[in-house]
Amino acid sequence: MGNHENFILCGEKKFKENVSRLLKENKFPNSVIITGEKGIGKKTAAAYIAASLLCEDIKDGMPCGSCPSCRMVKKSGHPDFIKVAPSGKNGMYLLDSDLRPVISQAYIKPNQSKYKVVLIADVDSNRPDTQNVLLKLVEEPPEYLVIIMTAKSREAFLKTILSRVTPFILDEVEKNVCYEAVKEIAGQDFTDKAFEKAYGAFGGNIGRCAGFMTDRNLSKACEVTENAVKAIAKRDEYSLLSSLSMIVGERDIMAQTLKLLSNVFRDTTYIRKGAEGVKMLSSCREETAELAKKLSASKSMLLFELCEEYSSRLSGNANMTLLVNAFCAGIMDIV
């Protein structure tokens, strides 16, 4: 008997129920977008859809997980599951080398299945002309073709694309599901204590929780961010400078720290504005809630914009010592 739980990492229960329902009703769309925050499982969700469409022993709208097609999907070796990767700088898709070839290939019938599934992941940073070249394929796809595109949010897509696709929005999984998934991914790096810290930072985001255990840079960035937020709440410039100076020379950790701080100030802005139902992105939620008590919405927004500015400076190979000093001074000027 097949085991569809092999695909548990696809995301929350509702997503799988929707996929199953559409398949059972024979109404699965030709064009799909999957959105959700980094690490939430968008590519795994796409693989789940591919497995569902290509499975040789599908039951009740769920892939068996054990037939040759399911195994090939899991190993990224199925001839009818095509993954398109960007070859340009900063995750940009190139029209001639990345997209136009796959558009031509899309009109060739599947090798061994009823469907051909094309995944175009991480559309976020691409120019409008990148999506325009896909528009005709989205408008008039061959009957056998299913196109899946992923991005962090719907705002990454042109309105002309959005009007012609079915959206799936992924959310965090339940804690017990996250625990089992992260345990499998992290392997020997997994401990219950580390999981509790990871879950406290990232909730049911499987990818980020696993990264917390397996990526030393991410766990260090979380630690530095928490210390920095505490220092900002106290308006303690020395402690703020000390915490960030620890990672001078470690450009990747600094980049991740600036992104995590952006999330903190995004959250404090929403908290101060009294926004309800907005999901917190901060990796240190208690500290963020305390900081929100001491910052106005306008100051929070200025701090968010400061983080974005210094992220751009960092990517431009700025001197890190000077950058950290100026960044800390900029924060203190605002708070």
Protein backbone atom coordinates (compact mmCIF):
# COMPACT_ATOMS: atom_id res chain seq x y z
CA MET A 1 0.00 0.00 0.00
CA GLY A 2 1.26 3.49 -0.84
CA ASN A 3 1.93 6.07 1.82
CA HIS A 4 0.76 9.58 0.86
CA GLU A 5 2.28 10.91 4.10
CA ASN A 6 5.62 10.80 2.24
CA PHE A 7 4.50 14.21 1.00
CA ILE A 8 3.65 15.65 4.43
CA LEU A 9 6.07 18.54 3.90
CA CYS A 10 3.78 20.13 1.34
CA GLY A 11 2.16 22.36 3.93
CA GLU A 12 -1.02 22.49 5.93
CA LYS A 13 -3.92 20.09 5.70
CA LYS A 14 -6.18 22.50 3.86
CA PHE A 15 -3.82 22.71 0.90
CA LYS A 16 -3.82 18.95 0.37
CA GLU A 17 -7.58 18.81 0.77
CA ASN A 18 -8.00 21.44 -1.95
CA VAL A 19 -5.67 19.60 -4.33
CA SER A 20 -7.49 16.33 -3.66
CA ARG A 21 -10.91 17.92 -4.20
CA LEU A 22 -9.94 19.48 -7.52
CA LEU A 23 -8.50 16.20 -8.75
CA LYS A 24 -11.52 14.15 -7.70
CA GLU A 25 -13.83 16.62 -9.43
CA ASN A 26 -11.58 16.57 -12.51
CA LYS A 27 -11.25 20.35 -12.24
CA PHE A 28 -7.55 20.84 -11.62
CA PRO A 29 -6.52 24.12 -13.32
CA ASN A 30 -3.90 24.46 -16.03
CA SER A 31 -2.20 27.39 -14.27
CA VAL A 32 -1.47 27.71 -10.55
CA ILE A 33 0.43 30.11 -8.33
CA ILE A 34 1.65 29.14 -4.86
CA THR A 35 2.49 31.94 -2.44
CA GLY A 36 3.83 32.02 1.09
CA GLU A 37 6.79 33.23 3.12
CA LYS A 38 10.31 31.90 2.64
CA GLY A 39 10.74 28.35 3.89
CA ILE A 40 7.01 27.63 4.09
CA GLY A 41 7.27 24.83 1.50
CA LYS A 42 6.22 26.31 -1.85
CA LYS A 43 8.48 24.06 -3.94
CA THR A 44 7.47 21.02 -1.89
CA ALA A 45 3.84 21.94 -2.45
CA ALA A 46 4.53 22.12 -6.17
CA ALA A 47 6.11 18.65 -6.00
CA TYR A 48 3.01 17.39 -4.20
CA ILE A 49 0.82 18.72 -7.00
CA ALA A 50 3.13 17.12 -9.58
CA ALA A 51 3.03 13.80 -7.75
CA SER A 52 -0.76 13.99 -7.53
CA LEU A 53 -1.08 14.59 -11.27
CA LEU A 54 1.54 12.03 -12.33
CA CYS A 55 0.86 9.27 -9.78
CA GLU A 56 0.16 5.84 -11.26
CA ASP A 57 -1.94 4.69 -8.30
CA ILE A 58 -3.72 7.81 -7.07
CA LYS A 59 -6.50 7.16 -4.56
CA ASP A 60 -9.04 9.65 -3.24
CA GLY A 61 -7.13 12.47 -4.93
CA MET A 62 -3.85 11.74 -3.11
CA PRO A 63 -0.56 10.46 -4.55
CA CYS A 64 0.44 6.98 -3.37
CA GLY A 65 4.04 8.05 -2.68
CA SER A 66 5.50 4.71 -3.73
CA CYS A 67 4.82 4.12 -7.43
CA PRO A 68 7.65 4.75 -9.95
CA SER A 69 6.20 8.16 -10.88
CA CYS A 70 5.95 9.34 -7.26
CA ARG A 71 9.49 8.17 -6.56
CA MET A 72 10.79 9.97 -9.64
CA VAL A 73 9.03 13.20 -8.59
CA LYS A 74 10.60 13.00 -5.14
CA LYS A 75 14.03 12.48 -6.68
CA SER A 76 13.48 15.28 -9.23
CA GLY A 77 13.85 12.79 -12.08
CA HIS A 78 10.41 12.57 -13.66
CA PRO A 79 10.53 13.40 -17.39
CA ASP A 80 7.11 15.07 -17.23
CA PHE A 81 7.94 17.29 -14.23
CA ILE A 82 10.06 20.15 -15.52
CA LYS A 83 11.68 22.59 -13.11
CA VAL A 84 12.87 25.88 -14.54
CA ALA A 85 15.71 27.59 -12.67
CA PRO A 86 16.81 31.22 -13.18
CA SER A 87 20.30 31.64 -14.60
CA GLY A 88 20.53 35.43 -14.31
CA LYS A 89 21.93 37.50 -11.46
CA ASN A 90 19.92 37.90 -8.26
CA GLY A 91 17.44 35.20 -9.19
CA MET A 92 16.42 36.76 -12.50
CA TYR A 93 15.00 34.57 -15.25
CA LEU A 94 16.55 35.16 -18.65
CA LEU A 95 14.06 35.16 -21.50
CA ASP A 96 16.15 33.45 -24.16
CA SER A 97 17.99 30.85 -22.06
CA ASP A 98 15.46 30.11 -19.29
CA LEU A 99 11.89 30.74 -20.40
CA ARG A 100 11.55 30.56 -24.16
CA PRO A 101 13.04 27.02 -24.32
CA VAL A 102 10.59 25.74 -21.73
CA ILE A 103 7.69 27.40 -23.56
CA SER A 104 8.67 25.48 -26.68
CA GLN A 105 9.00 22.29 -24.67
CA ALA A 106 5.56 22.84 -23.12
CA TYR A 107 3.93 22.21 -26.49
CA ILE A 108 5.52 18.76 -26.76
CA LYS A 109 3.21 16.07 -25.38
CA PRO A 110 4.12 14.26 -22.13
CA ASN A 111 6.64 11.42 -22.27
CA GLN A 112 4.81 8.86 -20.17
CA SER A 113 1.95 10.52 -18.29
CA LYS A 114 -1.39 12.17 -18.89
CA TYR A 115 0.06 15.52 -17.76
CA LYS A 116 3.18 17.60 -18.14
CA VAL A 117 3.93 19.81 -15.11
CA VAL A 118 6.19 22.86 -15.36
CA LEU A 119 7.44 24.59 -12.20
CA ILE A 120 8.71 28.18 -12.47
CA ALA A 121 9.79 28.99 -8.93
CA ASP A 122 10.69 32.22 -7.12
CA VAL A 123 9.19 34.72 -9.55
CA ASP A 124 9.50 37.54 -6.96
CA SER A 125 12.37 39.63 -8.30
CA ASN A 126 11.68 39.34 -12.02
CA ARG A 127 10.70 42.12 -14.43
CA PRO A 128 7.22 42.35 -15.97
CA ASP A 129 8.50 41.28 -19.39
CA THR A 130 9.48 37.94 -17.84
CA GLN A 131 5.85 37.23 -17.05
CA ASN A 132 4.59 38.74 -20.30
CA VAL A 133 6.43 36.08 -22.25
CA LEU A 134 4.47 33.45 -20.28
CA LEU A 135 1.11 35.11 -20.77
CA LYS A 136 0.08 33.33 -23.96
CA LEU A 137 0.96 29.96 -22.46
CA VAL A 138 -1.10 30.77 -19.37
CA GLU A 139 -4.01 32.02 -21.52
CA GLU A 140 -4.10 29.10 -23.94
CA PRO A 141 -2.22 26.12 -22.48
CA PRO A 142 -2.31 22.67 -24.08
CA GLU A 143 -4.87 20.44 -22.39
CA TYR A 144 -2.19 18.26 -20.79
CA LEU A 145 -0.10 21.12 -19.36
CA VAL A 146 -0.09 22.38 -15.75
CA ILE A 147 2.05 25.44 -15.01
CA ILE A 148 2.99 26.17 -11.39
CA MET A 149 4.61 29.46 -10.39
CA THR A 150 5.76 30.37 -6.87
CA ALA A 151 6.49 33.65 -5.09
CA LYS A 152 6.32 35.13 -1.62
CA SER A 153 3.16 37.08 -2.37
CA ARG A 154 0.54 37.73 -5.05
CA GLU A 155 2.01 41.21 -5.55
CA ALA A 156 4.86 39.59 -7.48
CA PHE A 157 2.51 38.77 -10.37
CA LEU A 158 1.03 40.89 -13.12
CA LYS A 159 -2.72 41.40 -12.94
CA THR A 160 -3.05 39.76 -16.34
CA ILE A 161 -1.43 36.63 -14.90
CA LEU A 162 -3.43 36.70 -11.66
CA SER A 163 -6.71 36.87 -13.55
CA ARG A 164 -5.95 33.58 -15.30
CA VAL A 165 -4.56 31.37 -12.51
CA THR A 166 -5.78 29.53 -9.43
CA PRO A 167 -3.97 30.70 -6.27
CA PHE A 168 -2.82 28.53 -3.37
CA ILE A 169 -1.64 30.39 -0.26
CA LEU A 170 0.49 28.29 2.09
CA ASP A 171 0.48 28.81 5.83
CA GLU A 172 2.39 27.32 8.76
CA VAL A 173 1.83 23.69 9.68
CA GLU A 174 0.78 22.47 13.11
CA LYS A 175 3.54 22.05 15.68
CA ASN A 176 3.48 18.23 15.72
CA VAL A 177 3.69 18.12 11.91
CA CYS A 178 6.53 20.65 11.95
CA TYR A 179 8.35 18.61 14.61
CA GLU A 180 8.31 15.39 12.59
CA ALA A 181 9.24 17.11 9.34
CA VAL A 182 12.13 19.09 10.84
CA LYS A 183 13.39 15.99 12.63
CA GLU A 184 13.61 14.18 9.31
CA ILE A 185 15.32 17.09 7.54
CA ALA A 186 17.77 18.05 10.30
CA GLY A 187 18.89 14.48 11.04
CA GLN A 188 21.70 14.34 13.56
CA ASP A 189 21.51 18.12 14.09
CA PHE A 190 18.02 17.74 15.59
CA THR A 191 17.40 18.11 19.31
CA ASP A 192 14.16 18.81 21.14
CA LYS A 193 15.72 21.89 22.77
CA ALA A 194 16.84 23.30 19.42
CA PHE A 195 13.41 22.59 17.94
CA GLU A 196 11.67 24.56 20.69
CA LYS A 197 13.94 27.53 19.98
CA ALA A 198 13.38 27.20 16.25
CA TYR A 199 9.62 26.88 16.63
CA GLY A 200 9.59 29.91 18.93
CA ALA A 201 11.38 31.88 16.23
CA PHE A 202 9.61 30.67 13.09
CA GLY A 203 6.43 28.88 14.16
CA GLY A 204 5.30 26.15 11.78
CA ASN A 205 7.58 27.20 8.93
CA ILE A 206 9.31 23.89 8.27
CA GLY A 207 12.09 25.25 6.09
CA ARG A 208 13.07 28.03 8.47
CA CYS A 209 12.91 25.75 11.53
CA ALA A 210 15.11 23.19 9.80
CA GLY A 211 17.47 25.96 8.69
CA PHE A 212 17.76 27.16 12.28
CA MET A 213 19.27 23.77 13.17
CA THR A 214 21.34 23.08 10.09
CA ASP A 215 22.47 26.58 9.08
CA ARG A 216 24.84 28.13 11.59
CA ASN A 217 24.45 31.52 9.89
CA LEU A 218 20.67 31.61 10.42
CA SER A 219 20.84 30.57 14.08
CA LYS A 220 23.55 33.16 14.71
CA ALA A 221 21.53 35.85 12.91
CA CYS A 222 18.54 35.04 15.13
CA GLU A 223 20.70 35.41 18.26
CA VAL A 224 22.16 38.73 17.10
CA THR A 225 18.71 40.02 16.13
CA GLU A 226 17.25 39.21 19.55
CA ASN A 227 20.13 40.98 21.32
CA ALA A 228 19.83 43.97 19.00
CA VAL A 229 16.08 44.30 19.62
CA LYS A 230 16.65 44.22 23.38
CA ALA A 231 19.28 46.94 23.04
CA ILE A 232 17.01 49.12 20.89
CA ALA A 233 14.20 48.78 23.44
CA LYS A 234 16.59 50.09 26.10
CA ARG A 235 17.99 52.75 23.74
CA ASP A 236 21.41 51.29 24.58
CA GLU A 237 23.67 52.23 21.68
CA TYR A 238 26.71 50.49 23.17
CA SER A 239 24.92 47.13 23.49
CA LEU A 240 23.45 47.52 20.01
CA LEU A 241 26.86 48.22 18.50
CA SER A 242 28.41 45.35 20.47
CA SER A 243 25.82 42.84 19.27
CA LEU A 244 26.19 43.79 15.61
CA SER A 245 29.98 44.12 15.78
CA MET A 246 30.13 40.40 16.59
CA ILE A 247 29.32 39.61 12.95
CA VAL A 248 31.47 42.20 11.20
CA GLY A 249 33.28 40.23 8.53
CA GLU A 250 30.48 37.67 8.21
CA ARG A 251 28.53 39.16 5.35
CA ASP A 252 25.89 36.44 5.02
CA ILE A 253 25.02 36.58 8.72
CA MET A 254 24.80 40.37 8.53
CA ALA A 255 22.49 40.13 5.52
CA GLN A 256 20.22 37.68 7.34
CA THR A 257 20.27 39.85 10.47
CA LEU A 258 19.18 42.93 8.52
CA LYS A 259 16.34 40.92 7.00
CA LEU A 260 15.26 39.63 10.42
CA LEU A 261 15.38 43.18 11.81
CA SER A 262 13.23 44.33 8.88
CA ASN A 263 10.67 41.75 9.96
CA VAL A 264 10.80 43.05 13.53
CA PHE A 265 10.11 46.64 12.47
CA ARG A 266 7.43 45.53 10.02
CA ASP A 267 5.71 43.80 12.95
CA THR A 268 6.06 46.74 15.34
CA THR A 269 4.52 48.98 12.66
CA TYR A 270 1.46 46.73 12.39
CA ILE A 271 1.17 46.37 16.15
CA ARG A 272 1.25 50.13 16.69
CA LYS A 273 -1.33 50.63 13.95
CA GLY A 274 -3.61 48.16 15.68
CA ALA A 275 -3.80 45.88 12.65
CA GLU A 276 -5.71 42.70 13.45
CA GLY A 277 -5.15 39.27 11.95
CA VAL A 278 -1.70 40.16 10.59
CA LYS A 279 0.76 37.32 11.03
CA MET A 280 3.97 38.24 12.84
CA LEU A 281 7.18 37.53 10.95
CA SER A 282 9.64 38.38 13.71
CA SER A 283 12.03 35.66 14.91
CA CYS A 284 11.89 37.09 18.48
CA ARG A 285 8.21 37.71 19.01
CA GLU A 286 8.19 38.50 22.74
CA GLU A 287 10.99 41.03 22.35
CA THR A 288 9.22 42.53 19.34
CA ALA A 289 5.99 42.95 21.29
CA GLU A 290 7.91 44.75 24.06
CA LEU A 291 9.68 46.98 21.55
CA ALA A 292 6.35 47.92 19.97
CA LYS A 293 5.30 49.48 23.28
CA LYS A 294 8.18 51.95 22.99
CA LEU A 295 8.02 52.83 19.29
CA SER A 296 5.42 54.78 17.34
CA ALA A 297 4.20 53.43 14.01
CA SER A 298 6.06 56.21 12.19
CA LYS A 299 9.35 55.40 13.92
CA SER A 300 8.84 51.70 13.24
CA MET A 301 8.38 52.43 9.55
CA LEU A 302 11.50 54.59 9.47
CA LEU A 303 13.48 51.75 11.08
CA PHE A 304 12.09 49.29 8.54
CA GLU A 305 13.18 51.57 5.71
CA LEU A 306 16.61 51.95 7.34
CA CYS A 307 17.06 48.18 7.34
CA GLU A 308 16.11 47.98 3.67
CA GLU A 309 18.56 50.77 2.84
CA TYR A 310 21.44 49.08 4.64
CA SER A 311 20.60 45.71 3.10
CA SER A 312 21.12 47.37 -0.29
CA ARG A 313 24.37 48.92 0.88
CA LEU A 314 25.60 45.57 2.13
CA SER A 315 24.84 43.87 -1.18
CA GLY A 316 26.92 46.61 -2.82
CA ASN A 317 30.03 45.41 -0.94
CA ALA A 318 30.16 48.30 1.51
CA ASN A 319 32.81 48.26 4.24
CA MET A 320 31.13 46.31 7.03
CA THR A 321 32.71 48.12 9.96
CA LEU A 322 31.64 51.51 8.63
CA LEU A 323 28.24 50.09 7.69
CA VAL A 324 27.57 48.74 11.19
CA ASN A 325 28.63 51.99 12.85
CA ALA A 326 26.45 54.09 10.55
CA PHE A 327 23.50 51.69 10.88
CA CYS A 328 23.60 51.79 14.67
CA ALA A 329 23.87 55.58 14.66
CA GLY A 330 20.90 55.75 12.27
CA ILE A 331 18.79 53.57 14.59
CA MET A 332 19.59 55.67 17.61
CA ASP A 333 18.77 58.87 15.73
CA ILE A 334 15.28 57.48 15.05
CA VAL A 335 14.48 55.97 18.46
